[in-house]
Amino acid sequence: ELAGVGILMQQDPADGIVYVKSCVRGSPAFRDGRIKEGDKIVGVDEHECHQVPVADVRSFIVGPVGSRVKISCERPSGETPQVYEVLLTRGAPQEDPSPPAPAPLVPTPAPAMYSSMN
């Protein structure tokens, strides 16, 4: 059985960037609390996602239920955008969708493949 992590995405037709539109209540992304509306999805596991069709980004995220996926996001933070990675377990939304206390957001150095996207 396949599942994602509950991120609704949209792609800006002007620049090809895939943005987080929202996280489905009760989903793995919602329960984790670190991925937010407006974040840019810049990578999924080993895949770079700059100017990649949103359908392809979705296919990178979807996988076997219970398996893990690493999503790299970029969020505006002053003059320098903050790039961070979130490791999530794929699965269906849970019944108790109360908002979580977000896990700490730990910036990671932007891999060289992302430095040309600014």
Foldseek 3Di string as FASTA:
>chain_A
DKFFQFFDWDADPVFLWIFTQQGDQQGQCQQQPPHGGGWTFQDKAPGGRGNNDPVVVRVSRMDDAQDKMKTWTWADDPPDIFIFIDITGGDDGDPPRDGYDHDDTDGDPDPPVCPVVD
